Structure formats: structure tokens, C-alpha cells
């Protein structure tokens, strides 16, 4: 589904980006929100949260969760086999 997401879902996505940015910013002592959104933009080709295709939302949330886990030093979960 290539239709964009609704406002409540866009807020959830923005909160996930903010969590990554806040964690990264605690290390760099800079505002990393723009960098975190730019990463999402590069990875998924979106210019705003609302343009995230519904069909790729889960993938985007997983991507952000992995980034956050990397920042927190969490090991990558084993792949499903």
C-alpha cells in the first residue's frame, strides 16, 4: 500500500525518530533530530512522516529500533530461521 500514514501513526513514527535523536544527542551534545530524520529520509525516500507508505511502516519502525539498540549497545537479535 503506497498511501501515506495517518496523523496518529505519523506521531508514533516521529516519536521513534525523536528517541534515536535524543539518545544520539546525549553522546554528541548536539541536536541530532535533523540527522535522525535525514537517515529515515535516505532509507525510505520520504520527505515527511505522513508520506511513509503504510506498507513500509513496520519496516521503518524496525529500522529505527535497530538504530536505537545499536546506540544503547544492545546485541542484534538472532535472525528467524
C-alpha atoms as a PDB file:
ATOM      1  CA  UNK A   1       0.000   0.000   0.000  1.00  0.00           C
ATOM      2  CA  UNK A   2       1.647   3.233  -1.142  1.00  0.00           C
ATOM      3  CA  UNK A   3      -0.832   5.559   0.599  1.00  0.00           C
ATOM      4  CA  UNK A   4       0.712   7.651   3.353  1.00  0.00           C
ATOM      5  CA  UNK A   5       0.080   7.114   7.034  1.00  0.00           C
ATOM      6  CA  UNK A   6      -2.465   8.996   9.157  1.00  0.00           C
ATOM      7  CA  UNK A   7      -1.629  11.676  11.736  1.00  0.00           C
ATOM      8  CA  UNK A   8      -1.590   9.446  14.862  1.00  0.00           C
ATOM      9  CA  UNK A   9       0.715   6.984  13.104  1.00  0.00           C
ATOM     10  CA  UNK A  10       2.947   9.839  11.913  1.00  0.00           C
ATOM     11  CA  UNK A  11       3.235  10.988  15.543  1.00  0.00           C
ATOM     12  CA  UNK A  12       4.324   7.474  16.566  1.00  0.00           C
ATOM     13  CA  UNK A  13       6.969   7.459  13.831  1.00  0.00           C
ATOM     14  CA  UNK A  14       8.153  10.942  14.880  1.00  0.00           C
ATOM     15  CA  UNK A  15       8.451   9.754  18.497  1.00  0.00           C
ATOM     16  CA  UNK A  16      10.645   6.846  17.384  1.00  0.00           C
ATOM     17  CA  UNK A  17      12.890   9.272  15.462  1.00  0.00           C
ATOM     18  CA  UNK A  18      12.989  11.594  18.485  1.00  0.00           C
ATOM     19  CA  UNK A  19      14.070   8.699  20.731  1.00  0.00           C
ATOM     20  CA  UNK A  20      17.003   7.928  18.424  1.00  0.00           C
ATOM     21  CA  UNK A  21      17.884  11.637  18.146  1.00  0.00           C
ATOM     22  CA  UNK A  22      17.763  12.186  21.915  1.00  0.00           C
ATOM     23  CA  UNK A  23      19.958   9.155  22.578  1.00  0.00           C
ATOM     24  CA  UNK A  24      22.437  10.191  19.893  1.00  0.00           C
ATOM     25  CA  UNK A  25      22.383  13.801  21.113  1.00  0.00           C
ATOM     26  CA  UNK A  26      23.281  12.693  24.641  1.00  0.00           C
ATOM     27  CA  UNK A  27      26.561  11.427  23.176  1.00  0.00           C
ATOM     28  CA  UNK A  28      27.320  14.252  20.764  1.00  0.00           C
ATOM     29  CA  UNK A  29      25.886  17.105  22.872  1.00  0.00           C
ATOM     30  CA  UNK A  30      24.174  18.399  19.735  1.00  0.00           C
ATOM     31  CA  UNK A  31      20.624  18.427  18.436  1.00  0.00           C
ATOM     32  CA  UNK A  32      20.550  15.268  16.315  1.00  0.00           C
ATOM     33  CA  UNK A  33      16.881  15.397  15.302  1.00  0.00           C
ATOM     34  CA  UNK A  34      17.662  16.584  11.764  1.00  0.00           C
ATOM     35  CA  UNK A  35      20.264  13.868  11.339  1.00  0.00           C
ATOM     36  CA  UNK A  36      17.907  11.167  12.576  1.00  0.00           C
ATOM     37  CA  UNK A  37      15.136  12.311  10.232  1.00  0.00           C
ATOM     38  CA  UNK A  38      17.643  12.547   7.368  1.00  0.00           C
ATOM     39  CA  UNK A  39      18.575   8.920   7.984  1.00  0.00           C
ATOM     40  CA  UNK A  40      14.916   7.931   7.746  1.00  0.00           C
ATOM     41  CA  UNK A  41      14.549  10.062   4.611  1.00  0.00           C
ATOM     42  CA  UNK A  42      17.553   8.407   2.943  1.00  0.00           C
ATOM     43  CA  UNK A  43      16.494   4.901   3.931  1.00  0.00           C
ATOM     44  CA  UNK A  44      12.824   5.220   2.921  1.00  0.00           C
ATOM     45  CA  UNK A  45      12.739   8.125   0.450  1.00  0.00           C
ATOM     46  CA  UNK A  46      10.196  10.215   2.340  1.00  0.00           C
ATOM     47  CA  UNK A  47      10.052  13.988   2.700  1.00  0.00           C
ATOM     48  CA  UNK A  48       7.656  13.941   5.676  1.00  0.00           C
ATOM     49  CA  UNK A  49       6.375  11.390   8.158  1.00  0.00           C
ATOM     50  CA  UNK A  50       2.939  11.391   6.525  1.00  0.00           C
ATOM     51  CA  UNK A  51       4.497  10.249   3.240  1.00  0.00           C
ATOM     52  CA  UNK A  52       5.688   6.972   4.767  1.00  0.00           C
ATOM     53  CA  UNK A  53       3.836   4.269   2.818  1.00  0.00           C
ATOM     54  CA  UNK A  54       1.621   2.256   5.167  1.00  0.00           C
ATOM     55  CA  UNK A  55       3.138  -0.914   3.769  1.00  0.00           C
ATOM     56  CA  UNK A  56       6.635   0.121   4.904  1.00  0.00           C
ATOM     57  CA  UNK A  57       5.763   1.459   8.361  1.00  0.00           C
ATOM     58  CA  UNK A  58       6.673  -1.747  10.212  1.00  0.00           C
ATOM     59  CA  UNK A  59       9.998  -1.877   8.347  1.00  0.00           C
ATOM     60  CA  UNK A  60      10.709   1.758   9.295  1.00  0.00           C
ATOM     61  CA  UNK A  61       9.891   1.177  12.960  1.00  0.00           C
ATOM     62  CA  UNK A  62      12.136  -1.913  12.998  1.00  0.00           C
ATOM     63  CA  UNK A  63      14.936   0.093  11.349  1.00  0.00           C
ATOM     64  CA  UNK A  64      14.654   2.832  13.985  1.00  0.00           C
ATOM     65  CA  UNK A  65      14.523   0.228  16.766  1.00  0.00           C
ATOM     66  CA  UNK A  66      17.750  -1.369  15.472  1.00  0.00           C
ATOM     67  CA  UNK A  67      19.425   2.067  15.328  1.00  0.00           C
ATOM     68  CA  UNK A  68      18.304   2.787  18.891  1.00  0.00           C
ATOM     69  CA  UNK A  69      19.536  -0.650  20.004  1.00  0.00           C
ATOM     70  CA  UNK A  70      22.910  -0.002  18.379  1.00  0.00           C
ATOM     71  CA  UNK A  71      23.186   3.283  20.292  1.00  0.00           C
ATOM     72  CA  UNK A  72      22.289   1.536  23.545  1.00  0.00           C
ATOM     73  CA  UNK A  73      24.808  -1.245  22.900  1.00  0.00           C
ATOM     74  CA  UNK A  74      22.163  -3.950  22.594  1.00  0.00           C
ATOM     75  CA  UNK A  75      23.152  -7.019  20.592  1.00  0.00           C
ATOM     76  CA  UNK A  76      21.361  -7.694  17.333  1.00  0.00           C
ATOM     77  CA  UNK A  77      18.654 -10.337  17.849  1.00  0.00           C
ATOM     78  CA  UNK A  78      19.314 -13.642  16.090  1.00  0.00           C
ATOM     79  CA  UNK A  79      17.655 -13.996  12.697  1.00  0.00           C
ATOM     80  CA  UNK A  80      14.490 -16.053  12.419  1.00  0.00           C
ATOM     81  CA  UNK A  81      15.358 -19.388  10.849  1.00  0.00           C
END
